[in-house]
Full PDB file with SEQRES, HELIX, SHEET, SSBOND, CRYST1, ORIGX, SCALE, CONECT and MASTER records, all heavy atoms in Angstrom:
SEQRES   1 A   32  LEU PRO SER SER GLY SER VAL TYR VAL ALA ARG LEU ASN          
SEQRES   2 A   32  GLY GLN GLU MET PRO ASP GLU VAL SER THR PHE GLN HIS          
SEQRES   3 A   32  PHE SER GLU VAL LEU LYS                                      
HELIX    1 AA1 GLY A   14  GLU A   16  5                                   3    
HELIX    2 AA2 GLU A   20  VAL A   30  1                                  11    
CRYST1    1.000    1.000    1.000  90.00  90.00  90.00 P 1           1          
ORIGX1      1.000000  0.000000  0.000000        0.00000                         
ORIGX2      0.000000  1.000000  0.000000        0.00000                         
ORIGX3      0.000000  0.000000  1.000000        0.00000                         
SCALE1      1.000000  0.000000  0.000000        0.00000                         
SCALE2      0.000000  1.000000  0.000000        0.00000                         
SCALE3      0.000000  0.000000  1.000000        0.00000                         
ATOM      1  N   LEU A   1       0.822  -1.205   0.000  1.00  0.00           N  
ATOM      2  CA  LEU A   1       0.000   0.000   0.000  1.00  0.00           C  
ATOM      3  C   LEU A   1       0.858   1.259   0.000  1.00  0.00           C  
ATOM      4  O   LEU A   1       1.939   1.277   0.583  1.00  0.00           O  
ATOM      5  CB  LEU A   1      -0.914   0.016   1.229  1.00  0.00           C  
ATOM      6  CG  LEU A   1      -1.963  -1.092   1.298  1.00  0.00           C  
ATOM      7  CD1 LEU A   1      -2.730  -0.989   2.611  1.00  0.00           C  
ATOM      8  CD2 LEU A   1      -2.915  -1.023   0.123  1.00  0.00           C  
ATOM      9  N   PRO A   2       0.378   2.311  -0.632  1.00  0.00           N  
ATOM     10  CA  PRO A   2       1.107   3.578  -0.594  1.00  0.00           C  
ATOM     11  C   PRO A   2       1.070   4.170   0.813  1.00  0.00           C  
ATOM     12  O   PRO A   2       0.171   3.861   1.605  1.00  0.00           O  
ATOM     13  CB  PRO A   2       0.341   4.456  -1.585  1.00  0.00           C  
ATOM     14  CG  PRO A   2      -1.008   3.861  -1.672  1.00  0.00           C  
ATOM     15  CD  PRO A   2      -0.847   2.390  -1.406  1.00  0.00           C  
ATOM     16  N   SER A   3       2.027   5.033   1.115  1.00  0.00           N  
ATOM     17  CA  SER A   3       2.110   5.597   2.460  1.00  0.00           C  
ATOM     18  C   SER A   3       1.044   6.651   2.728  1.00  0.00           C  
ATOM     19  O   SER A   3       0.694   6.909   3.874  1.00  0.00           O  
ATOM     20  CB  SER A   3       3.502   6.181   2.704  1.00  0.00           C  
ATOM     21  OG  SER A   3       3.789   7.157   1.719  1.00  0.00           O  
ATOM     22  N   SER A   4       0.523   7.284   1.679  1.00  0.00           N  
ATOM     23  CA  SER A   4      -0.520   8.288   1.876  1.00  0.00           C  
ATOM     24  C   SER A   4      -1.326   8.470   0.598  1.00  0.00           C  
ATOM     25  O   SER A   4      -0.976   7.944  -0.455  1.00  0.00           O  
ATOM     26  CB  SER A   4       0.106   9.623   2.293  1.00  0.00           C  
ATOM     27  OG  SER A   4       0.907  10.117   1.237  1.00  0.00           O  
ATOM     28  N   GLY A   5      -2.409   9.237   0.710  1.00  0.00           N  
ATOM     29  CA  GLY A   5      -3.245   9.549  -0.446  1.00  0.00           C  
ATOM     30  C   GLY A   5      -4.415   8.601  -0.590  1.00  0.00           C  
ATOM     31  O   GLY A   5      -4.502   7.573   0.072  1.00  0.00           O  
ATOM     32  N   SER A   6      -5.323   8.967  -1.476  1.00  0.00           N  
ATOM     33  CA  SER A   6      -6.482   8.116  -1.738  1.00  0.00           C  
ATOM     34  C   SER A   6      -6.077   6.955  -2.649  1.00  0.00           C  
ATOM     35  O   SER A   6      -5.182   7.087  -3.474  1.00  0.00           O  
ATOM     36  CB  SER A   6      -7.611   8.930  -2.374  1.00  0.00           C  
ATOM     37  OG  SER A   6      -7.169   9.507  -3.582  1.00  0.00           O  
ATOM     38  N   VAL A   7      -6.745   5.829  -2.461  1.00  0.00           N  
ATOM     39  CA  VAL A   7      -6.371   4.611  -3.177  1.00  0.00           C  
ATOM     40  C   VAL A   7      -7.599   4.003  -3.849  1.00  0.00           C  
ATOM     41  O   VAL A   7      -8.657   3.876  -3.223  1.00  0.00           O  
ATOM     42  CB  VAL A   7      -5.758   3.566  -2.211  1.00  0.00           C  
ATOM     43  CG1 VAL A   7      -5.385   2.289  -2.957  1.00  0.00           C  
ATOM     44  CG2 VAL A   7      -4.548   4.136  -1.492  1.00  0.00           C  
ATOM     45  N   TYR A   8      -7.453   3.625  -5.113  1.00  0.00           N  
ATOM     46  CA  TYR A   8      -8.474   2.860  -5.826  1.00  0.00           C  
ATOM     47  C   TYR A   8      -7.949   1.439  -5.926  1.00  0.00           C  
ATOM     48  O   TYR A   8      -6.864   1.211  -6.481  1.00  0.00           O  
ATOM     49  CB  TYR A   8      -8.719   3.439  -7.223  1.00  0.00           C  
ATOM     50  CG  TYR A   8      -9.800   2.703  -7.981  1.00  0.00           C  
ATOM     51  CD1 TYR A   8     -11.127   3.084  -7.869  1.00  0.00           C  
ATOM     52  CD2 TYR A   8      -9.492   1.606  -8.789  1.00  0.00           C  
ATOM     53  CE1 TYR A   8     -12.133   2.411  -8.552  1.00  0.00           C  
ATOM     54  CE2 TYR A   8     -10.491   0.928  -9.468  1.00  0.00           C  
ATOM     55  CZ  TYR A   8     -11.801   1.333  -9.345  1.00  0.00           C  
ATOM     56  OH  TYR A   8     -12.784   0.660 -10.025  1.00  0.00           O  
ATOM     57  N   VAL A   9      -8.681   0.504  -5.368  1.00  0.00           N  
ATOM     58  CA  VAL A   9      -8.275  -0.901  -5.404  1.00  0.00           C  
ATOM     59  C   VAL A   9      -9.219  -1.645  -6.335  1.00  0.00           C  
ATOM     60  O   VAL A   9     -10.440  -1.609  -6.162  1.00  0.00           O  
ATOM     61  CB  VAL A   9      -8.309  -1.544  -3.999  1.00  0.00           C  
ATOM     62  CG1 VAL A   9      -7.932  -3.013  -4.073  1.00  0.00           C  
ATOM     63  CG2 VAL A   9      -7.382  -0.794  -3.048  1.00  0.00           C  
ATOM     64  N   ALA A  10      -8.643  -2.298  -7.328  1.00  0.00           N  
ATOM     65  CA  ALA A  10      -9.421  -3.108  -8.267  1.00  0.00           C  
ATOM     66  C   ALA A  10      -9.044  -4.561  -8.062  1.00  0.00           C  
ATOM     67  O   ALA A  10      -7.867  -4.913  -8.080  1.00  0.00           O  
ATOM     68  CB  ALA A  10      -9.126  -2.685  -9.701  1.00  0.00           C  
ATOM     69  N   ARG A  11     -10.044  -5.407  -7.858  1.00  0.00           N  
ATOM     70  CA  ARG A  11      -9.813  -6.847  -7.718  1.00  0.00           C  
ATOM     71  C   ARG A  11     -10.302  -7.535  -8.969  1.00  0.00           C  
ATOM     72  O   ARG A  11     -11.453  -7.372  -9.369  1.00  0.00           O  
ATOM     73  CB  ARG A  11     -10.540  -7.383  -6.495  1.00  0.00           C  
ATOM     74  CG  ARG A  11      -9.946  -6.864  -5.194  1.00  0.00           C  
ATOM     75  CD  ARG A  11     -10.615  -7.491  -4.035  1.00  0.00           C  
ATOM     76  NE  ARG A  11     -10.152  -8.874  -3.943  1.00  0.00           N  
ATOM     77  CZ  ARG A  11      -9.951  -9.506  -2.813  1.00  0.00           C  
ATOM     78  NH1 ARG A  11     -10.168  -8.908  -1.678  1.00  0.00           N  
ATOM     79  NH2 ARG A  11      -9.545 -10.748  -2.808  1.00  0.00           N  
ATOM     80  N   LEU A  12      -9.412  -8.294  -9.582  1.00  0.00           N  
ATOM     81  CA  LEU A  12      -9.734  -9.034 -10.797  1.00  0.00           C  
ATOM     82  C   LEU A  12      -9.440 -10.506 -10.563  1.00  0.00           C  
ATOM     83  O   LEU A  12      -8.657 -10.848  -9.683  1.00  0.00           O  
ATOM     84  CB  LEU A  12      -8.907  -8.506 -11.969  1.00  0.00           C  
ATOM     85  CG  LEU A  12      -9.119  -7.024 -12.291  1.00  0.00           C  
ATOM     86  CD1 LEU A  12      -7.891  -6.227 -11.957  1.00  0.00           C  
ATOM     87  CD2 LEU A  12      -9.478  -6.855 -13.738  1.00  0.00           C  
ATOM     88  N   ASN A  13     -10.053 -11.356 -11.368  1.00  0.00           N  
ATOM     89  CA  ASN A  13      -9.867 -12.795 -11.229  1.00  0.00           C  
ATOM     90  C   ASN A  13      -9.318 -13.359 -12.530  1.00  0.00           C  
ATOM     91  O   ASN A  13      -9.969 -13.282 -13.574  1.00  0.00           O  
ATOM     92  CB  ASN A  13     -11.208 -13.456 -10.882  1.00  0.00           C  
ATOM     93  CG  ASN A  13     -11.062 -14.918 -10.573  1.00  0.00           C  
ATOM     94  OD1 ASN A  13     -10.124 -15.582 -11.007  1.00  0.00           O  
ATOM     95  ND2 ASN A  13     -12.007 -15.450  -9.825  1.00  0.00           N  
ATOM     96  N   GLY A  14      -8.120 -13.923 -12.463  1.00  0.00           N  
ATOM     97  CA  GLY A  14      -7.469 -14.484 -13.643  1.00  0.00           C  
ATOM     98  C   GLY A  14      -8.254 -15.606 -14.295  1.00  0.00           C  
ATOM     99  O   GLY A  14      -8.145 -15.844 -15.489  1.00  0.00           O  
ATOM    100  N   GLN A  15      -9.088 -16.302 -13.517  1.00  0.00           N  
ATOM    101  CA  GLN A  15      -9.894 -17.385 -14.073  1.00  0.00           C  
ATOM    102  C   GLN A  15     -10.976 -16.850 -15.012  1.00  0.00           C  
ATOM    103  O   GLN A  15     -11.499 -17.596 -15.826  1.00  0.00           O  
ATOM    104  CB  GLN A  15     -10.518 -18.214 -12.959  1.00  0.00           C  
ATOM    105  CG  GLN A  15      -9.483 -18.990 -12.179  1.00  0.00           C  
ATOM    106  CD  GLN A  15     -10.078 -19.784 -11.034  1.00  0.00           C  
ATOM    107  OE1 GLN A  15     -11.204 -19.556 -10.606  1.00  0.00           O  
ATOM    108  NE2 GLN A  15      -9.312 -20.736 -10.526  1.00  0.00           N  
ATOM    109  N   GLU A  16     -11.288 -15.571 -14.894  1.00  0.00           N  
ATOM    110  CA  GLU A  16     -12.271 -14.956 -15.781  1.00  0.00           C  
ATOM    111  C   GLU A  16     -11.625 -14.344 -17.019  1.00  0.00           C  
ATOM    112  O   GLU A  16     -12.275 -13.648 -17.780  1.00  0.00           O  
ATOM    113  CB  GLU A  16     -13.058 -13.888 -15.008  1.00  0.00           C  
ATOM    114  CG  GLU A  16     -13.900 -14.471 -13.891  1.00  0.00           C  
ATOM    115  CD  GLU A  16     -14.685 -13.421 -13.131  1.00  0.00           C  
ATOM    116  OE1 GLU A  16     -14.905 -12.314 -13.666  1.00  0.00           O  
ATOM    117  OE2 GLU A  16     -15.077 -13.711 -11.992  1.00  0.00           O  
ATOM    118  N   MET A  17     -10.322 -14.635 -17.225  1.00  0.00           N  
ATOM    119  CA  MET A  17      -9.582 -14.065 -18.351  1.00  0.00           C  
ATOM    120  C   MET A  17      -8.842 -15.140 -19.149  1.00  0.00           C  
ATOM    121  O   MET A  17      -7.634 -15.072 -19.315  1.00  0.00           O  
ATOM    122  CB  MET A  17      -8.599 -13.007 -17.831  1.00  0.00           C  
ATOM    123  CG  MET A  17      -9.273 -11.843 -17.151  1.00  0.00           C  
ATOM    124  SD  MET A  17      -8.094 -10.563 -16.630  1.00  0.00           S  
ATOM    125  CE  MET A  17      -7.822 -11.045 -14.929  1.00  0.00           C  
ATOM    126  N   PRO A  18      -9.577 -16.120 -19.685  1.00  0.00           N  
ATOM    127  CA  PRO A  18      -8.907 -17.189 -20.434  1.00  0.00           C  
ATOM    128  C   PRO A  18      -8.478 -16.772 -21.839  1.00  0.00           C  
ATOM    129  O   PRO A  18      -7.622 -17.401 -22.449  1.00  0.00           O  
ATOM    130  CB  PRO A  18      -9.967 -18.285 -20.496  1.00  0.00           C  
ATOM    131  CG  PRO A  18     -11.260 -17.547 -20.471  1.00  0.00           C  
ATOM    132  CD  PRO A  18     -11.013 -16.361 -19.563  1.00  0.00           C  
ATOM    133  N   ASP A  19      -9.079 -15.702 -22.385  1.00  0.00           N  
ATOM    134  CA  ASP A  19      -8.753 -15.259 -23.735  1.00  0.00           C  
ATOM    135  C   ASP A  19      -8.717 -13.735 -23.776  1.00  0.00           C  
ATOM    136  O   ASP A  19      -9.029 -13.066 -22.795  1.00  0.00           O  
ATOM    137  CB  ASP A  19      -9.771 -15.805 -24.749  1.00  0.00           C  
ATOM    138  CG  ASP A  19     -11.201 -15.464 -24.372  1.00  0.00           C  
ATOM    139  OD1 ASP A  19     -11.480 -14.286 -24.048  1.00  0.00           O  
ATOM    140  OD2 ASP A  19     -12.057 -16.365 -24.398  1.00  0.00           O  
ATOM    141  N   GLU A  20      -8.307 -13.191 -24.913  1.00  0.00           N  
ATOM    142  CA  GLU A  20      -8.156 -11.743 -25.038  1.00  0.00           C  
ATOM    143  C   GLU A  20      -9.467 -10.996 -24.794  1.00  0.00           C  
ATOM    144  O   GLU A  20      -9.501 -10.017 -24.050  1.00  0.00           O  
ATOM    145  CB  GLU A  20      -7.608 -11.374 -26.413  1.00  0.00           C  
ATOM    146  CG  GLU A  20      -6.163 -11.743 -26.603  1.00  0.00           C  
ATOM    147  CD  GLU A  20      -5.615 -11.322 -27.957  1.00  0.00           C  
ATOM    148  OE1 GLU A  20      -6.339 -10.683 -28.753  1.00  0.00           O  
ATOM    149  OE2 GLU A  20      -4.441 -11.633 -28.213  1.00  0.00           O  
ATOM    150  N   VAL A  21     -10.551 -11.446 -25.418  1.00  0.00           N  
ATOM    151  CA  VAL A  21     -11.823 -10.734 -25.296  1.00  0.00           C  
ATOM    152  C   VAL A  21     -12.272 -10.675 -23.844  1.00  0.00           C  
ATOM    153  O   VAL A  21     -12.669  -9.610 -23.341  1.00  0.00           O  
ATOM    154  CB  VAL A  21     -12.913 -11.376 -26.195  1.00  0.00           C  
ATOM    155  CG1 VAL A  21     -14.274 -10.764 -25.927  1.00  0.00           C  
ATOM    156  CG2 VAL A  21     -12.544 -11.233 -27.670  1.00  0.00           C  
ATOM    157  N   SER A  22     -12.216 -11.794 -23.138  1.00  0.00           N  
ATOM    158  CA  SER A  22     -12.647 -11.786 -21.732  1.00  0.00           C  
ATOM    159  C   SER A  22     -11.689 -10.969 -20.863  1.00  0.00           C  
ATOM    160  O   SER A  22     -12.125 -10.338 -19.893  1.00  0.00           O  
ATOM    161  CB  SER A  22     -12.799 -13.210 -21.204  1.00  0.00           C  
ATOM    162  OG  SER A  22     -11.594 -13.919 -21.297  1.00  0.00           O  
ATOM    163  N   THR A  23     -10.416 -10.949 -21.203  1.00  0.00           N  
ATOM    164  CA  THR A  23      -9.451 -10.129 -20.470  1.00  0.00           C  
ATOM    165  C   THR A  23      -9.784  -8.653 -20.634  1.00  0.00           C  
ATOM    166  O   THR A  23      -9.858  -7.905 -19.659  1.00  0.00           O  
ATOM    167  CB  THR A  23      -8.013 -10.412 -20.952  1.00  0.00           C  
ATOM    168  OG1 THR A  23      -7.724 -11.799 -20.736  1.00  0.00           O  
ATOM    169  CG2 THR A  23      -6.995  -9.557 -20.208  1.00  0.00           C  
ATOM    170  N   PHE A  24      -9.994  -8.233 -21.881  1.00  0.00           N  
ATOM    171  CA  PHE A  24     -10.363  -6.838 -22.132  1.00  0.00           C  
ATOM    172  C   PHE A  24     -11.685  -6.492 -21.446  1.00  0.00           C  
ATOM    173  O   PHE A  24     -11.823  -5.428 -20.848  1.00  0.00           O  
ATOM    174  CB  PHE A  24     -10.479  -6.565 -23.632  1.00  0.00           C  
ATOM    175  CG  PHE A  24      -9.186  -6.721 -24.402  1.00  0.00           C  
ATOM    176  CD1 PHE A  24      -9.205  -7.135 -25.718  1.00  0.00           C  
ATOM    177  CD2 PHE A  24      -7.959  -6.450 -23.822  1.00  0.00           C  
ATOM    178  CE1 PHE A  24      -8.034  -7.274 -26.444  1.00  0.00           C  
ATOM    179  CE2 PHE A  24      -6.765  -6.591 -24.531  1.00  0.00           C  
ATOM    180  CZ  PHE A  24      -6.805  -7.000 -25.850  1.00  0.00           C  
ATOM    181  N   GLN A  25     -12.650  -7.397 -21.514  1.00  0.00           N  
ATOM    182  CA  GLN A  25     -13.962  -7.167 -20.906  1.00  0.00           C  
ATOM    183  C   GLN A  25     -13.841  -7.001 -19.391  1.00  0.00           C  
ATOM    184  O   GLN A  25     -14.410  -6.077 -18.812  1.00  0.00           O  
ATOM    185  CB  GLN A  25     -14.913  -8.333 -21.236  1.00  0.00           C  
ATOM    186  CG  GLN A  25     -16.305  -8.189 -20.656  1.00  0.00           C  
ATOM    187  CD  GLN A  25     -17.101  -7.095 -21.341  1.00  0.00           C  
ATOM    188  OE1 GLN A  25     -17.001  -6.919 -22.545  1.00  0.00           O  
ATOM    189  NE2 GLN A  25     -17.877  -6.349 -20.575  1.00  0.00           N  
ATOM    190  N   HIS A  26     -13.106  -7.909 -18.760  1.00  0.00           N  
ATOM    191  CA  HIS A  26     -12.952  -7.888 -17.304  1.00  0.00           C  
ATOM    192  C   HIS A  26     -12.278  -6.586 -16.850  1.00  0.00           C  
ATOM    193  O   HIS A  26     -12.746  -5.923 -15.925  1.00  0.00           O  
ATOM    194  CB  HIS A  26     -12.162  -9.116 -16.867  1.00  0.00           C  
ATOM    195  CG  HIS A  26     -12.288  -9.478 -15.429  1.00  0.00           C  
ATOM    196  ND1 HIS A  26     -13.476  -9.497 -14.738  1.00  0.00           N  
ATOM    197  CD2 HIS A  26     -11.338  -9.844 -14.522  1.00  0.00           C  
ATOM    198  CE1 HIS A  26     -13.267  -9.865 -13.484  1.00  0.00           C  
ATOM    199  NE2 HIS A  26     -11.971 -10.065 -13.326  1.00  0.00           N  
ATOM    200  N   PHE A  27     -11.187  -6.220 -17.497  1.00  0.00           N  
ATOM    201  CA  PHE A  27     -10.492  -4.986 -17.139  1.00  0.00           C  
ATOM    202  C   PHE A  27     -11.367  -3.768 -17.413  1.00  0.00           C  
ATOM    203  O   PHE A  27     -11.408  -2.830 -16.613  1.00  0.00           O  
ATOM    204  CB  PHE A  27      -9.163  -4.867 -17.887  1.00  0.00           C  
ATOM    205  CG  PHE A  27      -8.000  -5.387 -17.103  1.00  0.00           C  
ATOM    206  CD1 PHE A  27      -7.765  -6.747 -17.027  1.00  0.00           C  
ATOM    207  CD2 PHE A  27      -7.146  -4.525 -16.442  1.00  0.00           C  
ATOM    208  CE1 PHE A  27      -6.696  -7.241 -16.298  1.00  0.00           C  
ATOM    209  CE2 PHE A  27      -6.078  -5.011 -15.711  1.00  0.00           C  
ATOM    210  CZ  PHE A  27      -5.841  -6.365 -15.631  1.00  0.00           C  
ATOM    211  N   SER A  28     -12.051  -3.777 -18.541  1.00  0.00           N  
ATOM    212  CA  SER A  28     -12.910  -2.655 -18.900  1.00  0.00           C  
ATOM    213  C   SER A  28     -13.997  -2.428 -17.851  1.00  0.00           C  
ATOM    214  O   SER A  28     -14.266  -1.290 -17.451  1.00  0.00           O  
ATOM    215  CB  SER A  28     -13.541  -2.903 -20.272  1.00  0.00           C  
ATOM    216  OG  SER A  28     -14.378  -1.841 -20.628  1.00  0.00           O  
ATOM    217  N   GLU A  29     -14.602  -3.503 -17.371  1.00  0.00           N  
ATOM    218  CA  GLU A  29     -15.654  -3.395 -16.359  1.00  0.00           C  
ATOM    219  C   GLU A  29     -15.110  -2.940 -15.007  1.00  0.00           C  
ATOM    220  O   GLU A  29     -15.653  -2.032 -14.382  1.00  0.00           O  
ATOM    221  CB  GLU A  29     -16.375  -4.738 -16.192  1.00  0.00           C  
ATOM    222  CG  GLU A  29     -17.241  -5.112 -17.367  1.00  0.00           C  
ATOM    223  CD  GLU A  29     -17.784  -6.532 -17.289  1.00  0.00           C  
ATOM    224  OE1 GLU A  29     -17.485  -7.247 -16.302  1.00  0.00           O  
ATOM    225  OE2 GLU A  29     -18.498  -6.932 -18.218  1.00  0.00           O  
ATOM    226  N   VAL A  30     -14.037  -3.564 -14.559  1.00  0.00           N  
ATOM    227  CA  VAL A  30     -13.508  -3.290 -13.226  1.00  0.00           C  
ATOM    228  C   VAL A  30     -12.825  -1.923 -13.146  1.00  0.00           C  
ATOM    229  O   VAL A  30     -12.971  -1.205 -12.167  1.00  0.00           O  
ATOM    230  CB  VAL A  30     -12.558  -4.423 -12.771  1.00  0.00           C  
ATOM    231  CG1 VAL A  30     -11.862  -4.077 -11.472  1.00  0.00           C  
ATOM    232  CG2 VAL A  30     -13.321  -5.729 -12.632  1.00  0.00           C  
ATOM    233  N   LEU A  31     -12.075  -1.557 -14.199  1.00  0.00           N  
ATOM    234  CA  LEU A  31     -11.359  -0.287 -14.185  1.00  0.00           C  
ATOM    235  C   LEU A  31     -12.126   0.840 -14.877  1.00  0.00           C  
ATOM    236  O   LEU A  31     -11.601   1.933 -15.034  1.00  0.00           O  
ATOM    237  CB  LEU A  31      -9.978  -0.443 -14.818  1.00  0.00           C  
ATOM    238  CG  LEU A  31      -9.006  -1.295 -14.020  1.00  0.00           C  
ATOM    239  CD1 LEU A  31      -7.708  -1.494 -14.785  1.00  0.00           C  
ATOM    240  CD2 LEU A  31      -8.733  -0.676 -12.670  1.00  0.00           C  
ATOM    241  N   LYS A  32     -13.347   0.522 -15.290  1.00  0.00           N  
ATOM    242  CA  LYS A  32     -14.224   1.534 -15.886  1.00  0.00           C  
ATOM    243  C   LYS A  32     -13.584   2.225 -17.085  1.00  0.00           C  
ATOM    244  O   LYS A  32     -13.575   3.457 -17.177  1.00  0.00           O  
ATOM    245  CB  LYS A  32     -14.640   2.545 -14.821  1.00  0.00           C  
ATOM    246  CG  LYS A  32     -15.303   1.904 -13.631  1.00  0.00           C  
ATOM    247  CD  LYS A  32     -15.541   2.887 -12.519  1.00  0.00           C  
ATOM    248  CE  LYS A  32     -16.168   2.134 -11.361  1.00  0.00           C  
ATOM    249  NZ  LYS A  32     -15.843   2.609 -10.081  1.00  0.00           N  
TER     250      LYS A  32                                                      
MASTER        0    0    0    2    0    0    0    6  249    1    0    3          
END                                                                             
């Protein structure tokens, strides 16, 4: 963790990213 400041924590699951499309989809949803 950083020593100070506001933090955005994104939790992703590698099992939901077996291929490129699902990887892009998962990141796009979680990281907006």
